[in-house]
N, C-alpha and C. Protein backbone atom coordinates (compact mmCIF):
# COMPACT_ATOMS: atom_id res chain seq x y z
N MET A 1 121.32 79.38 103.67
CA MET A 1 121.27 80.43 104.67
C MET A 1 119.84 80.67 105.12
N GLY A 2 118.91 80.65 104.18
CA GLY A 2 117.51 80.77 104.56
C GLY A 2 117.07 82.18 104.90
N ASN A 3 115.80 82.31 105.14
CA ASN A 3 115.22 83.59 105.49
C ASN A 3 115.19 83.71 107.01
N SER A 4 115.68 84.81 107.52
CA SER A 4 115.75 85.00 108.97
C SER A 4 115.29 86.42 109.30
N SER A 5 114.76 86.59 110.48
CA SER A 5 114.33 87.92 110.89
C SER A 5 115.49 88.71 111.50
N LYS A 6 116.65 88.09 111.61
CA LYS A 6 117.81 88.75 112.18
C LYS A 6 118.27 89.87 111.25
N ILE A 7 118.52 91.04 111.81
CA ILE A 7 119.02 92.17 111.04
C ILE A 7 120.52 92.27 111.27
N TYR A 8 121.26 92.39 110.19
CA TYR A 8 122.71 92.50 110.27
C TYR A 8 123.10 93.96 110.13
N PHE A 9 123.72 94.51 111.12
CA PHE A 9 124.12 95.91 111.09
C PHE A 9 125.59 96.01 110.69
N SER A 10 125.85 95.77 109.43
CA SER A 10 127.22 95.83 108.94
C SER A 10 127.36 96.89 107.85
N ARG A 11 126.43 97.81 107.78
CA ARG A 11 126.48 98.81 106.72
C ARG A 11 127.72 99.69 106.80
N GLU A 12 128.30 99.82 108.00
CA GLU A 12 129.51 100.63 108.13
C GLU A 12 130.70 99.98 107.42
N LYS A 13 130.57 98.72 107.05
CA LYS A 13 131.64 98.01 106.35
C LYS A 13 131.64 98.31 104.85
N PHE A 14 130.60 98.94 104.37
CA PHE A 14 130.50 99.26 102.94
C PHE A 14 131.13 100.60 102.63
N GLU A 15 131.77 100.67 101.48
CA GLU A 15 132.32 101.93 101.01
C GLU A 15 131.25 102.63 100.17
N ASP A 16 131.07 103.90 100.45
CA ASP A 16 130.13 104.72 99.70
C ASP A 16 130.90 105.50 98.63
N ASN A 17 130.18 106.25 97.84
CA ASN A 17 130.75 107.15 96.84
C ASN A 17 131.45 106.44 95.69
N HIS A 18 130.88 105.35 95.26
CA HIS A 18 131.34 104.70 94.03
C HIS A 18 130.30 104.99 92.96
N TYR A 19 130.78 105.35 91.77
CA TYR A 19 129.88 105.69 90.68
C TYR A 19 130.37 105.07 89.38
N TYR A 20 129.43 104.64 88.58
CA TYR A 20 129.72 104.25 87.21
C TYR A 20 128.94 105.19 86.32
N THR A 21 129.61 105.82 85.36
CA THR A 21 128.94 106.71 84.43
C THR A 21 128.93 106.06 83.05
N ASP A 22 127.72 105.89 82.53
CA ASP A 22 127.56 105.29 81.22
C ASP A 22 128.13 106.24 80.17
N PRO A 23 129.05 105.77 79.35
CA PRO A 23 129.68 106.68 78.38
C PRO A 23 128.74 107.19 77.30
N LYS A 24 127.74 106.41 76.96
CA LYS A 24 126.82 106.83 75.91
C LYS A 24 125.75 107.79 76.44
N TRP A 25 125.11 107.41 77.54
CA TRP A 25 123.97 108.18 78.04
C TRP A 25 124.36 109.20 79.11
N LYS A 26 125.58 109.12 79.59
CA LYS A 26 126.10 110.08 80.58
C LYS A 26 125.31 110.07 81.89
N THR A 27 124.67 108.95 82.18
CA THR A 27 123.96 108.82 83.45
C THR A 27 124.87 108.09 84.44
N ALA A 28 124.77 108.49 85.69
CA ALA A 28 125.62 107.92 86.73
C ALA A 28 124.83 106.93 87.58
N LEU A 29 125.46 105.84 87.91
CA LEU A 29 124.89 104.83 88.79
C LEU A 29 125.72 104.80 90.07
N HIS A 30 125.08 105.11 91.16
CA HIS A 30 125.75 105.11 92.46
C HIS A 30 125.66 103.71 93.05
N TYR A 31 126.75 103.20 93.59
CA TYR A 31 126.71 101.88 94.21
C TYR A 31 127.59 101.83 95.45
N ASN A 32 127.28 100.88 96.33
CA ASN A 32 128.05 100.64 97.55
C ASN A 32 128.91 99.40 97.33
N LEU A 33 130.06 99.36 97.95
CA LEU A 33 130.99 98.25 97.75
C LEU A 33 131.50 97.73 99.08
N PHE A 34 131.43 96.42 99.25
CA PHE A 34 132.03 95.75 100.40
C PHE A 34 133.17 94.88 99.88
N LYS A 35 134.33 94.99 100.55
CA LYS A 35 135.49 94.17 100.20
C LYS A 35 135.76 93.21 101.34
N PRO A 36 136.12 91.96 101.04
CA PRO A 36 136.45 91.00 102.10
C PRO A 36 137.62 91.53 102.95
N ALA A 37 137.61 91.20 104.22
CA ALA A 37 138.62 91.71 105.16
C ALA A 37 140.04 91.36 104.74
N ASP A 38 140.23 90.18 104.16
CA ASP A 38 141.59 89.76 103.79
C ASP A 38 141.94 90.07 102.34
N TYR A 39 141.13 90.90 101.68
CA TYR A 39 141.39 91.26 100.29
C TYR A 39 142.68 92.07 100.18
N ASN A 40 143.52 91.68 99.24
CA ASN A 40 144.76 92.39 98.96
C ASN A 40 144.79 92.64 97.46
N GLU A 41 144.70 93.89 97.06
CA GLU A 41 144.63 94.21 95.62
C GLU A 41 145.89 93.82 94.87
N ASN A 42 146.99 93.56 95.58
CA ASN A 42 148.23 93.15 94.93
C ASN A 42 148.34 91.63 94.77
N ASP A 43 147.36 90.90 95.28
CA ASP A 43 147.36 89.44 95.19
C ASP A 43 146.42 89.01 94.07
N ALA A 44 146.98 88.76 92.90
CA ALA A 44 146.17 88.39 91.74
C ALA A 44 145.76 86.92 91.76
N ASN A 45 146.29 86.13 92.68
CA ASN A 45 146.00 84.70 92.71
C ASN A 45 144.77 84.33 93.53
N THR A 46 144.36 85.18 94.45
CA THR A 46 143.20 84.89 95.27
C THR A 46 141.94 85.42 94.58
N LYS A 47 140.98 84.55 94.39
CA LYS A 47 139.73 84.91 93.70
C LYS A 47 138.58 84.94 94.70
N TYR A 48 137.66 85.87 94.51
CA TYR A 48 136.49 86.01 95.36
C TYR A 48 135.24 86.07 94.49
N PRO A 49 134.16 85.48 94.93
CA PRO A 49 132.90 85.66 94.21
C PRO A 49 132.34 87.07 94.44
N LEU A 50 131.43 87.46 93.59
CA LEU A 50 130.76 88.75 93.70
C LEU A 50 129.28 88.51 93.94
N VAL A 51 128.74 89.11 95.00
CA VAL A 51 127.30 89.07 95.26
C VAL A 51 126.75 90.42 94.82
N LEU A 52 125.83 90.41 93.89
CA LEU A 52 125.20 91.63 93.41
C LEU A 52 123.79 91.68 93.98
N PHE A 53 123.57 92.56 94.93
CA PHE A 53 122.25 92.69 95.56
C PHE A 53 121.44 93.70 94.77
N MET A 54 120.30 93.25 94.25
CA MET A 54 119.41 94.12 93.50
C MET A 54 118.24 94.52 94.38
N LEU A 55 118.16 95.77 94.72
CA LEU A 55 117.08 96.25 95.57
C LEU A 55 115.79 96.39 94.78
N ASP A 56 114.68 96.40 95.49
CA ASP A 56 113.41 96.62 94.80
C ASP A 56 113.05 98.10 94.87
N ALA A 57 112.01 98.48 94.20
CA ALA A 57 111.63 99.90 94.10
C ALA A 57 111.26 100.50 95.45
N GLY A 58 110.94 99.66 96.44
CA GLY A 58 110.59 100.17 97.76
C GLY A 58 111.77 100.78 98.50
N ALA A 59 112.98 100.51 98.03
CA ALA A 59 114.17 101.04 98.69
C ALA A 59 114.85 102.13 97.88
N GLU A 60 114.19 102.62 96.87
CA GLU A 60 114.80 103.67 96.06
C GLU A 60 115.00 104.91 96.90
N SER A 61 116.24 105.36 96.98
CA SER A 61 116.55 106.50 97.83
C SER A 61 117.92 107.06 97.46
N LYS A 62 118.12 108.33 97.75
CA LYS A 62 119.44 108.93 97.58
C LYS A 62 120.31 108.68 98.81
N ASN A 63 119.69 108.16 99.87
CA ASN A 63 120.42 107.82 101.08
C ASN A 63 121.04 106.44 100.88
N TRP A 64 122.35 106.36 100.84
CA TRP A 64 123.02 105.10 100.53
C TRP A 64 122.76 104.02 101.57
N GLU A 65 122.47 104.39 102.82
CA GLU A 65 122.20 103.38 103.84
C GLU A 65 120.83 102.73 103.65
N THR A 66 119.87 103.45 103.14
CA THR A 66 118.53 102.90 102.93
C THR A 66 118.56 101.69 102.01
N VAL A 67 119.29 101.79 100.92
CA VAL A 67 119.32 100.68 99.98
C VAL A 67 120.08 99.47 100.52
N LEU A 68 120.94 99.69 101.50
CA LEU A 68 121.68 98.57 102.09
C LEU A 68 120.85 97.78 103.08
N ILE A 69 120.01 98.46 103.85
CA ILE A 69 119.33 97.77 104.95
C ILE A 69 117.92 97.32 104.63
N GLN A 70 117.39 97.66 103.47
CA GLN A 70 116.05 97.25 103.10
C GLN A 70 116.00 95.73 103.03
N GLY A 71 115.23 95.10 103.90
CA GLY A 71 115.11 93.65 103.91
C GLY A 71 116.43 92.94 104.16
N ASN A 72 117.29 93.50 104.95
CA ASN A 72 118.67 93.06 105.20
C ASN A 72 119.58 93.38 104.03
N GLY A 73 119.01 93.62 102.87
CA GLY A 73 119.78 94.05 101.72
C GLY A 73 121.10 93.33 101.55
N GLY A 74 122.08 94.08 101.09
CA GLY A 74 123.40 93.52 100.89
C GLY A 74 124.15 93.27 102.18
N THR A 75 123.65 93.80 103.29
CA THR A 75 124.39 93.68 104.55
C THR A 75 124.47 92.26 105.05
N VAL A 76 123.50 91.43 104.73
CA VAL A 76 123.53 90.04 105.20
C VAL A 76 124.76 89.31 104.66
N TRP A 77 125.19 89.66 103.47
CA TRP A 77 126.35 89.01 102.86
C TRP A 77 127.66 89.53 103.43
N ALA A 78 127.62 90.67 104.10
CA ALA A 78 128.83 91.25 104.69
C ALA A 78 128.94 90.96 106.19
N SER A 79 128.02 90.18 106.72
CA SER A 79 128.07 89.86 108.16
C SER A 79 129.31 89.04 108.47
N ASP A 80 129.79 89.16 109.69
CA ASP A 80 130.97 88.41 110.11
C ASP A 80 130.76 86.91 109.95
N GLU A 81 129.57 86.44 110.29
CA GLU A 81 129.27 85.00 110.19
C GLU A 81 129.39 84.51 108.74
N TRP A 82 128.80 85.27 107.82
CA TRP A 82 128.82 84.87 106.42
C TRP A 82 130.23 84.96 105.84
N GLN A 83 130.91 86.06 106.11
CA GLN A 83 132.24 86.28 105.55
C GLN A 83 133.26 85.28 106.09
N ALA A 84 133.09 84.79 107.30
CA ALA A 84 134.01 83.81 107.87
C ALA A 84 134.04 82.54 107.04
N GLU A 85 132.89 82.16 106.50
CA GLU A 85 132.78 80.94 105.72
C GLU A 85 132.79 81.18 104.21
N ASN A 86 132.37 82.37 103.81
CA ASN A 86 132.17 82.68 102.39
C ASN A 86 132.66 84.07 102.04
N PRO A 87 133.95 84.32 102.10
CA PRO A 87 134.42 85.69 101.79
C PRO A 87 134.06 86.05 100.36
N CYS A 88 133.51 87.26 100.18
CA CYS A 88 133.08 87.69 98.86
C CYS A 88 132.98 89.20 98.81
N PHE A 89 132.95 89.72 97.62
CA PHE A 89 132.64 91.14 97.39
C PHE A 89 131.12 91.25 97.35
N VAL A 90 130.62 92.40 97.79
CA VAL A 90 129.17 92.67 97.72
C VAL A 90 128.98 94.05 97.13
N VAL A 91 128.14 94.11 96.09
CA VAL A 91 127.79 95.39 95.45
C VAL A 91 126.31 95.57 95.61
């Protein structure tokens, strides 16, 4: 795919308000989730890869959109072009 200056505006495709709470430390981790367009939770036979985008400290924010668009962030993997050839979940 390479490095490109193109910005992908697909952040509206991500679901907000997902949290994981560590049972031991009781700290919550907020994350955004993108599901492939043809994902069907009742279809256990179709498998999808998971892309885990790790942001750097420059994008630390309570605004969920900031962490998505920093350096194209996870949005590049949710673009229509990418998903057409490589459907996947993005966290």
